[in-house]
Amino acid sequence: MKLVEFKYKKADGSVSDRAVLELVTPSVHLEGIDVSQMPVEDYAEFVVDFAQLKNAQHSATMQLLADYDLKTNYRRFLPAQMSDIKIEHI
């Protein structure tokens, strides 16, 4: 897991100290699992299995966030407005 600590300057000029467990890295790329060469029958089965896995993970994640009262703490930060960045792998 990657913990990123930084100062964030908002559009209104206010500055806050932040500590974020990074879920998505800023990128200009589309990232995903390439299923272009997969046979249609396998693809249909994979999509169902993958959806069930993602749904189970989402449910478990939402429960964990609720347990720690973090359900409304998902944020997006513009890298250009970040300074004094410290990264720690935990």
C-alpha atoms as a PDB file:
ATOM      1  CA  MET A   1       0.000   0.000   0.000  1.00  0.00           C
ATOM      2  CA  LYS A   2       1.181   3.523  -0.722  1.00  0.00           C
ATOM      3  CA  LEU A   3       0.685   6.383   1.754  1.00  0.00           C
ATOM      4  CA  VAL A   4       1.125   9.852   0.233  1.00  0.00           C
ATOM      5  CA  GLU A   5       1.401  12.865   2.537  1.00  0.00           C
ATOM      6  CA  PHE A   6       1.337  16.389   1.096  1.00  0.00           C
ATOM      7  CA  LYS A   7       0.160  19.973   1.403  1.00  0.00           C
ATOM      8  CA  TYR A   8      -2.783  20.716  -0.877  1.00  0.00           C
ATOM      9  CA  LYS A   9      -3.679  24.159  -2.160  1.00  0.00           C
ATOM     10  CA  LYS A  10      -7.349  24.459  -3.106  1.00  0.00           C
ATOM     11  CA  ALA A  11      -8.724  26.789  -5.786  1.00  0.00           C
ATOM     12  CA  ASP A  12      -9.794  29.248  -3.050  1.00  0.00           C
ATOM     13  CA  GLY A  13      -6.155  29.517  -1.890  1.00  0.00           C
ATOM     14  CA  SER A  14      -6.603  27.591   1.361  1.00  0.00           C
ATOM     15  CA  VAL A  15      -3.927  25.016   2.181  1.00  0.00           C
ATOM     16  CA  SER A  16      -4.417  21.752   4.078  1.00  0.00           C
ATOM     17  CA  ASP A  17      -2.159  18.877   5.138  1.00  0.00           C
ATOM     18  CA  ARG A  18      -3.303  15.550   3.689  1.00  0.00           C
ATOM     19  CA  ALA A  19      -2.456  11.869   4.192  1.00  0.00           C
ATOM     20  CA  VAL A  20      -3.951   9.614   1.514  1.00  0.00           C
ATOM     21  CA  LEU A  21      -3.829   5.873   0.879  1.00  0.00           C
ATOM     22  CA  GLU A  22      -3.405   5.959  -2.900  1.00  0.00           C
ATOM     23  CA  LEU A  23      -6.002   3.982  -4.859  1.00  0.00           C
ATOM     24  CA  VAL A  24      -5.522   5.478  -8.325  1.00  0.00           C
ATOM     25  CA  THR A  25      -2.278   6.899  -9.708  1.00  0.00           C
ATOM     26  CA  PRO A  26      -2.597   9.932 -11.998  1.00  0.00           C
ATOM     27  CA  SER A  27      -2.189   8.699 -15.564  1.00  0.00           C
ATOM     28  CA  VAL A  28      -2.867   9.516 -19.185  1.00  0.00           C
ATOM     29  CA  HIS A  29      -3.273   5.837 -20.057  1.00  0.00           C
ATOM     30  CA  LEU A  30      -6.244   3.508 -20.222  1.00  0.00           C
ATOM     31  CA  GLU A  31      -5.394   0.543 -18.016  1.00  0.00           C
ATOM     32  CA  GLY A  32      -7.174  -2.765 -17.856  1.00  0.00           C
ATOM     33  CA  ILE A  33      -7.249  -6.434 -18.732  1.00  0.00           C
ATOM     34  CA  ASP A  34      -7.014  -6.989 -22.500  1.00  0.00           C
ATOM     35  CA  VAL A  35      -9.540  -9.657 -23.480  1.00  0.00           C
ATOM     36  CA  SER A  36      -9.259  -9.059 -27.233  1.00  0.00           C
ATOM     37  CA  GLN A  37      -7.981 -12.562 -28.009  1.00  0.00           C
ATOM     38  CA  MET A  38     -10.273 -14.419 -25.622  1.00  0.00           C
ATOM     39  CA  PRO A  39     -12.822 -16.836 -27.139  1.00  0.00           C
ATOM     40  CA  VAL A  40     -16.390 -15.541 -26.819  1.00  0.00           C
ATOM     41  CA  GLU A  41     -17.522 -18.450 -24.619  1.00  0.00           C
ATOM     42  CA  ASP A  42     -14.626 -17.940 -22.203  1.00  0.00           C
ATOM     43  CA  TYR A  43     -15.227 -14.184 -22.221  1.00  0.00           C
ATOM     44  CA  ALA A  44     -18.867 -14.619 -21.205  1.00  0.00           C
ATOM     45  CA  GLU A  45     -17.885 -16.846 -18.279  1.00  0.00           C
ATOM     46  CA  PHE A  46     -14.980 -14.576 -17.294  1.00  0.00           C
ATOM     47  CA  VAL A  47     -17.202 -11.474 -17.234  1.00  0.00           C
ATOM     48  CA  VAL A  48     -19.649 -13.126 -14.831  1.00  0.00           C
ATOM     49  CA  ASP A  49     -16.862 -14.421 -12.545  1.00  0.00           C
ATOM     50  CA  PHE A  50     -14.992 -11.108 -12.629  1.00  0.00           C
ATOM     51  CA  ALA A  51     -18.151  -9.121 -11.862  1.00  0.00           C
ATOM     52  CA  GLN A  52     -18.916 -11.374  -8.877  1.00  0.00           C
ATOM     53  CA  LEU A  53     -15.353 -10.944  -7.600  1.00  0.00           C
ATOM     54  CA  LYS A  54     -15.489  -7.148  -8.001  1.00  0.00           C
ATOM     55  CA  ASN A  55     -18.920  -6.990  -6.302  1.00  0.00           C
ATOM     56  CA  ALA A  56     -17.693  -9.061  -3.348  1.00  0.00           C
ATOM     57  CA  GLN A  57     -14.599  -6.877  -3.025  1.00  0.00           C
ATOM     58  CA  HIS A  58     -16.701  -3.705  -3.240  1.00  0.00           C
ATOM     59  CA  SER A  59     -19.098  -4.956  -0.558  1.00  0.00           C
ATOM     60  CA  ALA A  60     -16.216  -5.878   1.751  1.00  0.00           C
ATOM     61  CA  THR A  61     -14.509  -2.521   1.111  1.00  0.00           C
ATOM     62  CA  MET A  62     -17.685  -0.549   1.823  1.00  0.00           C
ATOM     63  CA  GLN A  63     -18.215  -2.494   5.059  1.00  0.00           C
ATOM     64  CA  LEU A  64     -14.633  -1.802   6.158  1.00  0.00           C
ATOM     65  CA  LEU A  65     -15.037   1.915   5.363  1.00  0.00           C
ATOM     66  CA  ALA A  66     -18.296   1.964   7.355  1.00  0.00           C
ATOM     67  CA  ASP A  67     -16.610   0.183  10.279  1.00  0.00           C
ATOM     68  CA  TYR A  68     -14.012   2.972  10.423  1.00  0.00           C
ATOM     69  CA  ASP A  69     -16.448   5.808   9.587  1.00  0.00           C
ATOM     70  CA  LEU A  70     -14.666   6.563   6.285  1.00  0.00           C
ATOM     71  CA  LYS A  71     -17.540   6.056   3.800  1.00  0.00           C
ATOM     72  CA  THR A  72     -17.499   9.709   2.727  1.00  0.00           C
ATOM     73  CA  ASN A  73     -13.714  10.242   2.731  1.00  0.00           C
ATOM     74  CA  TYR A  74     -12.885   9.384  -0.901  1.00  0.00           C
ATOM     75  CA  ARG A  75     -11.119  12.389  -2.437  1.00  0.00           C
ATOM     76  CA  ARG A  76      -9.453  13.411  -5.718  1.00  0.00           C
ATOM     77  CA  PHE A  77      -6.422  15.712  -5.686  1.00  0.00           C
ATOM     78  CA  LEU A  78      -4.789  17.556  -8.585  1.00  0.00           C
ATOM     79  CA  PRO A  79      -1.041  16.772  -8.554  1.00  0.00           C
ATOM     80  CA  ALA A  80      -0.260  20.332  -9.704  1.00  0.00           C
ATOM     81  CA  GLN A  81      -1.733  21.637  -6.444  1.00  0.00           C
ATOM     82  CA  MET A  82       0.294  19.298  -4.205  1.00  0.00           C
ATOM     83  CA  SER A  83       3.574  20.233  -2.500  1.00  0.00           C
ATOM     84  CA  ASP A  84       5.917  18.842   0.157  1.00  0.00           C
ATOM     85  CA  ILE A  85       5.063  15.303  -1.017  1.00  0.00           C
ATOM     86  CA  LYS A  86       6.273  12.368   1.080  1.00  0.00           C
ATOM     87  CA  ILE A  87       5.622   8.789  -0.049  1.00  0.00           C
ATOM     88  CA  GLU A  88       5.783   5.770   2.218  1.00  0.00           C
ATOM     89  CA  HIS A  89       5.091   2.164   1.243  1.00  0.00           C
ATOM     90  CA  ILE A  90       3.240   0.498   4.118  1.00  0.00           C
END
